[in-house]
Amino acid sequence: MASSLPETQKAILFNTTTKDTLSLTKTAPIPSSPSEHLIKVHSTAITNGELTWAPFVHWPTLHVPCYDVSGTILSSVLGSKFKVGDRVFGRVEAGREGTARQYATILPSEASLVPAGLGMRDAAGVPMSALTAWQGLFEQGQLSLAPFVNGAGEVENSDAAKGKKVLVLGASGGVGIFAVQLAKLSGAWVAGTASSRNQDFLEELGIDEFIDYTKTSVENWINGEEGRRFDLVLDCVGGASMLDGWSAVKSHTGVYISIAPGFREPEGGKPEGVRSKWFVMDSRGEELEGIGKFITKGLVKTCVDSVWKLEEYKEAFAKTASGHARGKVVLKIAADEE
């Protein structure tokens, strides 16, 4: 354990009683756990809607939010492969205290070394989004065998999904950006919905078909043509877009996966034979390590919408809540690191 730790720290606090109050304190305690690494937080990322999770988890009255993190390990954990001084990133499980503070804790199983060539601010925006996209495509969606980088540095299963079609609803959001790239990496043909301002960006990521949801619905784009329907629809938006997306899934063989709150089937029921599921991602450090190898090789790009100081937390949360962020909104907490 580092001997030069302060007695207290800066932290953002969410009041779970009033449910709409965020504040900044300078007197939060320094956490400690024998089973978790203490880390000096470099950056943390906000998940849209995370402040609404209070009824589903056991947070204290004053709770530290934000669960995606990058930082430097300050303490050892028996049996962990990480050591003091390692630069790590990961996703802290939302039932525990978050990482919008100068010092936080993370389980060894939730962490991975920051990929070579990836900055700490960008690293903080990766874990939840990338893991959700990965699990949505290859585990829940069963698109294909998952691609991976072997010991020789070569990508295997890069064409395992060849011939399959994937639709990503909300392709320019945090999860959508990774879903587009990972689906393409597996060999699938990929379409996605977003507004026109994100078209060039998504085409740079390799998307095959861009659907401007402000000009046409998915249902109108499909126009009853069976050949335009998809093997897998990944809903990252919810609401009206989620219901619109049902028109795009193939009958009998299609899969509809959603990560958005309020998931429901269309009126009259889902298409015959379609498998559907709403899920919440699991934080898996080893899985994150595998995704990090694609990032290092330049095969998957990260995207941070904006970076804010800890003291600018109100603006950062407002930007996230707007629903128009491209990628993740990040709070940079460490003042002496890049």
Protein backbone atom coordinates (compact mmCIF):
# COMPACT_ATOMS: atom_id res chain seq x y z
CA MET A 1 0.00 0.00 0.00
CA ALA A 2 1.33 3.42 -0.91
CA SER A 3 2.47 5.29 2.22
CA SER A 4 1.80 8.77 0.86
CA LEU A 5 -1.97 8.48 0.56
CA PRO A 6 -4.03 11.42 1.79
CA GLU A 7 -6.53 10.95 4.59
CA THR A 8 -9.46 12.05 2.40
CA GLN A 9 -10.15 12.56 -1.30
CA LYS A 10 -12.33 14.36 -3.82
CA ALA A 11 -15.37 12.37 -4.97
CA ILE A 12 -18.68 12.88 -6.72
CA LEU A 13 -21.63 11.81 -4.59
CA PHE A 14 -25.11 10.86 -5.76
CA ASN A 15 -27.88 11.23 -3.21
CA THR A 16 -30.03 8.13 -3.63
CA THR A 17 -32.76 9.56 -1.41
CA THR A 18 -33.47 12.65 -3.52
CA LYS A 19 -32.52 10.71 -6.70
CA ASP A 20 -31.51 13.85 -8.58
CA THR A 21 -28.71 15.38 -6.54
CA LEU A 22 -25.03 15.19 -7.49
CA SER A 23 -22.40 16.95 -5.43
CA LEU A 24 -18.63 17.15 -5.10
CA THR A 25 -16.96 16.50 -1.77
CA LYS A 26 -13.31 16.87 -0.75
CA THR A 27 -13.63 14.71 2.38
CA ALA A 28 -14.55 11.24 1.08
CA PRO A 29 -12.64 8.37 2.73
CA ILE A 30 -9.93 6.37 0.95
CA PRO A 31 -11.35 2.87 0.28
CA SER A 32 -9.64 -0.34 1.33
CA SER A 33 -10.35 -4.00 0.59
CA PRO A 34 -8.11 -7.08 0.88
CA SER A 35 -9.76 -8.63 -2.19
CA GLU A 36 -9.60 -5.53 -4.41
CA HIS A 37 -6.74 -3.47 -5.77
CA LEU A 38 -6.62 0.14 -4.66
CA ILE A 39 -6.03 2.29 -7.73
CA LYS A 40 -5.18 5.91 -8.27
CA VAL A 41 -7.91 6.88 -10.72
CA HIS A 42 -6.81 8.57 -13.90
CA SER A 43 -10.17 8.79 -15.68
CA THR A 44 -13.68 7.44 -15.37
CA ALA A 45 -16.54 7.31 -17.87
CA ILE A 46 -20.25 7.94 -17.38
CA THR A 47 -22.88 5.44 -18.50
CA ASN A 48 -26.09 7.02 -19.76
CA GLY A 49 -28.92 6.32 -17.34
CA GLU A 50 -26.72 4.97 -14.55
CA LEU A 51 -28.30 7.23 -11.92
CA THR A 52 -31.60 5.43 -12.46
CA TRP A 53 -30.18 2.13 -11.24
CA ALA A 54 -30.63 2.91 -7.55
CA PRO A 55 -33.86 0.86 -7.13
CA PHE A 56 -32.09 -2.26 -8.45
CA VAL A 57 -28.89 -2.14 -6.37
CA HIS A 58 -28.07 -1.59 -2.72
CA TRP A 59 -26.32 1.76 -2.80
CA PRO A 60 -25.81 3.80 0.38
CA THR A 61 -27.57 7.15 0.70
CA LEU A 62 -24.47 8.92 -0.64
CA HIS A 63 -23.08 6.82 -3.48
CA VAL A 64 -20.06 7.33 -5.74
CA PRO A 65 -21.17 6.87 -9.40
CA CYS A 66 -19.29 5.90 -12.61
CA TYR A 67 -17.93 2.37 -13.14
CA ASP A 68 -15.62 2.47 -16.17
CA VAL A 69 -12.13 3.38 -15.04
CA SER A 70 -8.46 3.65 -15.89
CA GLY A 71 -5.83 4.02 -13.22
CA THR A 72 -2.61 2.87 -11.58
CA ILE A 73 -2.51 0.03 -9.07
CA LEU A 74 -1.38 1.04 -5.59
CA SER A 75 -1.96 -2.16 -3.58
CA SER A 76 -1.42 -5.89 -4.00
CA VAL A 77 -4.03 -8.64 -3.83
CA LEU A 78 -3.08 -12.22 -2.99
CA GLY A 79 -3.18 -14.37 -6.13
CA SER A 80 -3.65 -11.43 -8.54
CA LYS A 81 -1.53 -11.21 -11.69
CA PHE A 82 -1.37 -7.42 -11.33
CA LYS A 83 1.34 -5.62 -9.40
CA VAL A 84 1.78 -2.18 -7.88
CA GLY A 85 2.47 0.35 -10.64
CA ASP A 86 0.50 -1.45 -13.36
CA ARG A 87 -1.71 0.77 -15.51
CA VAL A 88 -5.10 -0.94 -15.74
CA PHE A 89 -8.62 -0.35 -17.01
CA GLY A 90 -11.85 -2.13 -16.26
CA ARG A 91 -15.49 -2.07 -15.28
CA VAL A 92 -16.43 -2.05 -11.60
CA GLU A 93 -19.67 -3.91 -10.86
CA ALA A 94 -22.44 -1.37 -10.33
CA GLY A 95 -23.54 -2.75 -6.98
CA ARG A 96 -20.32 -1.44 -5.42
CA GLU A 97 -19.03 2.10 -5.02
CA GLY A 98 -18.00 3.68 -8.30
CA THR A 99 -14.87 5.39 -9.55
CA ALA A 100 -15.74 9.10 -9.79
CA ARG A 101 -13.11 9.79 -7.14
CA GLN A 102 -9.35 10.09 -6.85
CA TYR A 103 -8.85 6.61 -5.37
CA ALA A 104 -11.06 3.58 -5.98
CA THR A 105 -10.95 -0.21 -5.81
CA ILE A 106 -11.29 -2.86 -8.50
CA LEU A 107 -11.34 -6.64 -8.41
CA PRO A 108 -8.51 -8.44 -10.25
CA SER A 109 -11.17 -10.24 -12.31
CA GLU A 110 -12.54 -6.89 -13.53
CA ALA A 111 -9.22 -5.42 -14.63
CA SER A 112 -6.88 -5.66 -17.59
CA LEU A 113 -3.62 -3.97 -18.46
CA VAL A 114 -4.14 -0.87 -20.60
CA PRO A 115 -3.34 -1.89 -24.21
CA ALA A 116 -0.09 -0.61 -25.68
CA GLY A 117 -0.63 2.67 -27.49
CA LEU A 118 -3.92 3.49 -25.76
CA GLY A 119 -4.03 6.60 -23.57
CA MET A 120 -5.57 6.50 -20.12
CA ARG A 121 -8.41 8.88 -21.00
CA ASP A 122 -9.40 6.76 -23.99
CA ALA A 123 -9.00 3.56 -21.97
CA ALA A 124 -11.62 4.70 -19.46
CA GLY A 125 -14.22 4.84 -22.22
CA VAL A 126 -13.71 1.25 -23.36
CA PRO A 127 -14.70 -1.40 -20.77
CA MET A 128 -18.49 -1.34 -20.47
CA SER A 129 -19.12 -0.45 -24.11
CA ALA A 130 -16.68 -2.94 -25.59
CA LEU A 131 -17.68 -5.80 -23.28
CA THR A 132 -21.39 -5.18 -23.88
CA ALA A 133 -20.87 -5.20 -27.64
CA TRP A 134 -18.72 -8.33 -27.44
CA GLN A 135 -21.16 -10.26 -25.27
CA GLY A 136 -24.18 -9.01 -27.22
CA LEU A 137 -22.74 -10.22 -30.53
CA PHE A 138 -20.92 -13.43 -29.69
CA GLU A 139 -22.43 -14.70 -26.45
CA GLN A 140 -26.05 -13.55 -26.31
CA GLY A 141 -26.45 -13.11 -30.08
CA GLN A 142 -24.40 -16.18 -31.00
CA LEU A 143 -23.38 -14.46 -34.21
CA SER A 144 -20.37 -16.70 -34.76
CA LEU A 145 -17.22 -17.92 -33.13
CA ALA A 146 -15.56 -14.89 -31.58
CA PRO A 147 -12.44 -13.52 -33.30
CA PHE A 148 -9.21 -13.48 -31.31
CA VAL A 149 -5.53 -12.66 -31.66
CA ASN A 150 -3.41 -15.80 -31.33
CA GLY A 151 0.06 -16.13 -29.86
CA ALA A 152 1.64 -15.25 -33.20
CA GLY A 153 -0.30 -11.98 -33.32
CA GLU A 154 -2.64 -13.20 -36.06
CA VAL A 155 -6.41 -12.74 -35.99
CA GLU A 156 -8.39 -15.98 -36.08
CA ASN A 157 -12.12 -16.41 -36.84
CA SER A 158 -12.05 -13.14 -38.78
CA ASP A 159 -14.50 -14.55 -41.32
CA ALA A 160 -16.57 -16.77 -39.01
CA ALA A 161 -19.69 -14.61 -39.52
CA LYS A 162 -19.26 -14.21 -43.27
CA GLY A 163 -22.66 -14.23 -44.97
CA LYS A 164 -24.50 -13.02 -41.87
CA LYS A 165 -26.11 -9.60 -41.50
CA VAL A 166 -26.13 -7.49 -38.33
CA LEU A 167 -28.15 -4.35 -37.58
CA VAL A 168 -26.95 -2.09 -34.76
CA LEU A 169 -29.58 0.32 -33.44
CA GLY A 170 -27.70 3.34 -32.10
CA ALA A 171 -24.49 2.67 -34.00
CA SER A 172 -22.75 5.90 -32.97
CA GLY A 173 -23.23 5.46 -29.22
CA GLY A 174 -20.71 3.97 -26.82
CA VAL A 175 -21.76 0.34 -27.35
CA GLY A 176 -22.77 0.77 -30.98
CA ILE A 177 -19.32 1.96 -32.07
CA PHE A 178 -17.70 -1.22 -30.75
CA ALA A 179 -20.52 -3.43 -32.02
CA VAL A 180 -20.07 -2.17 -35.58
CA GLN A 181 -16.33 -2.79 -35.51
CA LEU A 182 -16.43 -6.18 -33.80
CA ALA A 183 -19.18 -7.46 -36.08
CA LYS A 184 -17.15 -6.33 -39.10
CA LEU A 185 -14.06 -7.97 -37.63
CA SER A 186 -15.96 -11.26 -37.51
CA GLY A 187 -16.84 -11.00 -41.21
CA ALA A 188 -20.48 -9.92 -40.94
CA TRP A 189 -22.26 -7.38 -43.17
CA VAL A 190 -23.22 -4.54 -40.85
CA ALA A 191 -25.84 -1.80 -40.97
CA GLY A 192 -26.51 0.77 -38.29
CA THR A 193 -28.85 3.60 -37.35
CA ALA A 194 -27.65 7.07 -36.37
CA SER A 195 -28.19 10.71 -37.32
CA SER A 196 -26.62 12.18 -40.43
CA ARG A 197 -23.85 13.95 -38.50
CA ASN A 198 -22.41 10.51 -37.68
CA GLN A 199 -22.54 9.05 -41.18
CA ASP A 200 -18.96 9.87 -42.20
CA PHE A 201 -17.66 8.68 -38.86
CA LEU A 202 -19.42 5.30 -39.11
CA GLU A 203 -18.34 4.83 -42.70
CA GLU A 204 -14.75 5.34 -41.54
CA LEU A 205 -15.34 2.48 -39.11
CA GLY A 206 -16.35 0.27 -42.02
CA ILE A 207 -20.13 0.15 -41.70
CA ASP A 208 -21.74 -1.30 -44.84
CA GLU A 209 -25.09 0.50 -44.69
CA PHE A 210 -25.96 3.70 -42.86
CA ILE A 211 -29.61 4.33 -41.94
CA ASP A 212 -30.46 7.89 -40.92
CA TYR A 213 -33.18 7.39 -38.32
CA THR A 214 -34.16 11.08 -38.56
CA LYS A 215 -35.22 10.58 -42.20
CA THR A 216 -36.58 7.05 -42.32
CA SER A 217 -37.63 4.27 -40.00
CA VAL A 218 -36.04 0.84 -40.12
CA GLU A 219 -39.43 -0.56 -41.10
CA ASN A 220 -39.60 1.75 -44.12
CA TRP A 221 -36.00 0.95 -45.03
CA ILE A 222 -36.81 -2.79 -44.96
CA ASN A 223 -39.97 -2.09 -47.01
CA GLY A 224 -41.16 -5.67 -46.65
CA GLU A 225 -38.13 -7.12 -48.48
CA GLU A 226 -37.08 -10.34 -46.78
CA GLY A 227 -33.59 -10.03 -48.23
CA ARG A 228 -33.07 -6.86 -46.22
CA ARG A 229 -33.78 -8.50 -42.89
CA PHE A 230 -31.04 -9.36 -40.43
CA ASP A 231 -29.68 -12.42 -38.69
CA LEU A 232 -28.99 -10.34 -35.60
CA VAL A 233 -30.44 -7.04 -34.40
CA LEU A 234 -28.57 -5.43 -31.50
CA ASP A 235 -30.64 -2.71 -29.84
CA CYS A 236 -28.55 -0.10 -28.03
CA VAL A 237 -31.26 2.57 -27.89
CA GLY A 238 -34.61 1.33 -26.61
CA GLY A 239 -37.90 3.20 -26.87
CA ALA A 240 -39.45 3.71 -30.30
CA SER A 241 -36.24 2.60 -32.02
CA MET A 242 -36.37 -0.71 -30.19
CA LEU A 243 -39.91 -1.38 -31.43
CA ASP A 244 -38.98 -0.25 -34.94
CA GLY A 245 -36.10 -2.70 -34.97
CA TRP A 246 -38.36 -5.72 -34.68
CA SER A 247 -39.33 -5.24 -38.33
CA ALA A 248 -35.74 -5.96 -39.33
CA VAL A 249 -35.18 -9.38 -37.77
CA LYS A 250 -35.46 -12.53 -39.89
CA SER A 251 -38.35 -14.84 -39.09
CA HIS A 252 -37.50 -18.33 -37.83
CA THR A 253 -33.72 -17.83 -37.66
CA GLY A 254 -33.22 -14.25 -36.46
CA VAL A 255 -32.04 -13.05 -33.05
CA TYR A 256 -32.98 -9.79 -31.31
CA ILE A 257 -30.74 -8.68 -28.44
CA SER A 258 -31.30 -5.53 -26.40
CA ILE A 259 -29.31 -3.71 -23.73
CA ALA A 260 -31.81 -0.86 -23.34
CA PRO A 261 -34.14 -0.48 -20.34
CA GLY A 262 -37.81 -1.14 -20.97
CA PHE A 263 -37.25 -3.98 -23.43
CA ARG A 264 -40.49 -5.39 -24.81
CA GLU A 265 -41.85 -7.32 -27.72
CA PRO A 266 -43.92 -5.66 -30.46
CA GLU A 267 -47.68 -5.53 -30.20
CA GLY A 268 -49.01 -8.88 -31.39
CA GLY A 269 -45.82 -10.69 -30.47
CA LYS A 270 -42.39 -11.11 -32.01
CA PRO A 271 -41.81 -12.72 -35.43
CA GLU A 272 -42.21 -16.48 -35.45
CA GLY A 273 -39.15 -18.42 -34.35
CA VAL A 274 -37.13 -15.34 -33.35
CA ARG A 275 -34.99 -15.66 -30.25
CA SER A 276 -34.79 -12.52 -28.12
CA LYS A 277 -33.15 -11.42 -24.90
CA TRP A 278 -32.40 -8.35 -22.81
CA PHE A 279 -29.14 -8.58 -20.89
CA VAL A 280 -26.66 -6.71 -18.70
CA MET A 281 -22.97 -7.21 -19.41
CA ASP A 282 -20.59 -9.03 -17.08
CA SER A 283 -17.28 -7.40 -16.23
CA ARG A 284 -14.56 -9.80 -17.40
CA GLY A 285 -10.96 -8.70 -17.38
CA GLU A 286 -9.74 -11.55 -19.59
CA GLU A 287 -12.33 -10.71 -22.22
CA LEU A 288 -11.29 -7.06 -22.05
CA GLU A 289 -7.67 -8.13 -22.52
CA GLY A 290 -8.62 -9.89 -25.76
CA ILE A 291 -10.43 -6.81 -27.07
CA GLY A 292 -7.41 -4.74 -26.10
CA LYS A 293 -5.26 -6.77 -28.51
CA PHE A 294 -7.48 -5.63 -31.40
CA ILE A 295 -7.06 -2.04 -30.21
CA THR A 296 -3.28 -2.40 -30.11
CA LYS A 297 -3.27 -3.80 -33.65
CA GLY A 298 -5.38 -0.88 -34.85
CA LEU A 299 -8.28 -3.14 -35.81
CA VAL A 300 -10.68 -1.58 -33.32
CA LYS A 301 -10.79 2.16 -32.67
CA THR A 302 -11.93 3.82 -29.47
CA CYS A 303 -14.05 6.96 -29.31
CA VAL A 304 -14.38 9.52 -26.52
CA ASP A 305 -17.04 12.15 -27.06
CA SER A 306 -15.63 14.68 -24.61
CA VAL A 307 -13.38 15.00 -21.57
CA TRP A 308 -14.30 17.01 -18.48
CA LYS A 309 -12.60 17.92 -15.23
CA LEU A 310 -13.97 16.39 -12.04
CA GLU A 311 -15.31 19.82 -11.06
CA GLU A 312 -17.28 19.90 -14.34
CA TYR A 313 -19.30 16.83 -13.39
CA LYS A 314 -22.68 18.55 -13.86
CA GLU A 315 -21.88 19.43 -17.48
CA ALA A 316 -20.49 15.95 -18.11
CA PHE A 317 -23.58 14.19 -16.78
CA ALA A 318 -25.81 16.57 -18.74
CA LYS A 319 -23.93 15.81 -21.94
CA THR A 320 -24.34 12.07 -21.34
CA ALA A 321 -28.04 12.45 -20.54
CA SER A 322 -28.62 14.34 -23.80
CA GLY A 323 -28.36 11.03 -25.65
CA HIS A 324 -26.30 12.65 -28.39
CA ALA A 325 -22.78 11.77 -27.28
CA ARG A 326 -20.59 10.03 -29.87
CA GLY A 327 -18.85 7.45 -27.75
CA LYS A 328 -18.30 7.98 -24.03
CA VAL A 329 -18.19 11.09 -21.88
CA VAL A 330 -15.09 10.97 -19.66
CA LEU A 331 -14.15 12.64 -16.41
CA LYS A 332 -10.36 13.15 -16.17
CA ILE A 333 -9.50 13.00 -12.48
CA ALA A 334 -5.71 12.73 -12.23
CA ALA A 335 -3.99 16.07 -12.80
CA ASP A 336 -0.45 14.75 -13.17
CA GLU A 337 -0.82 11.97 -15.76
CA GLU A 338 -1.69 11.74 -19.43
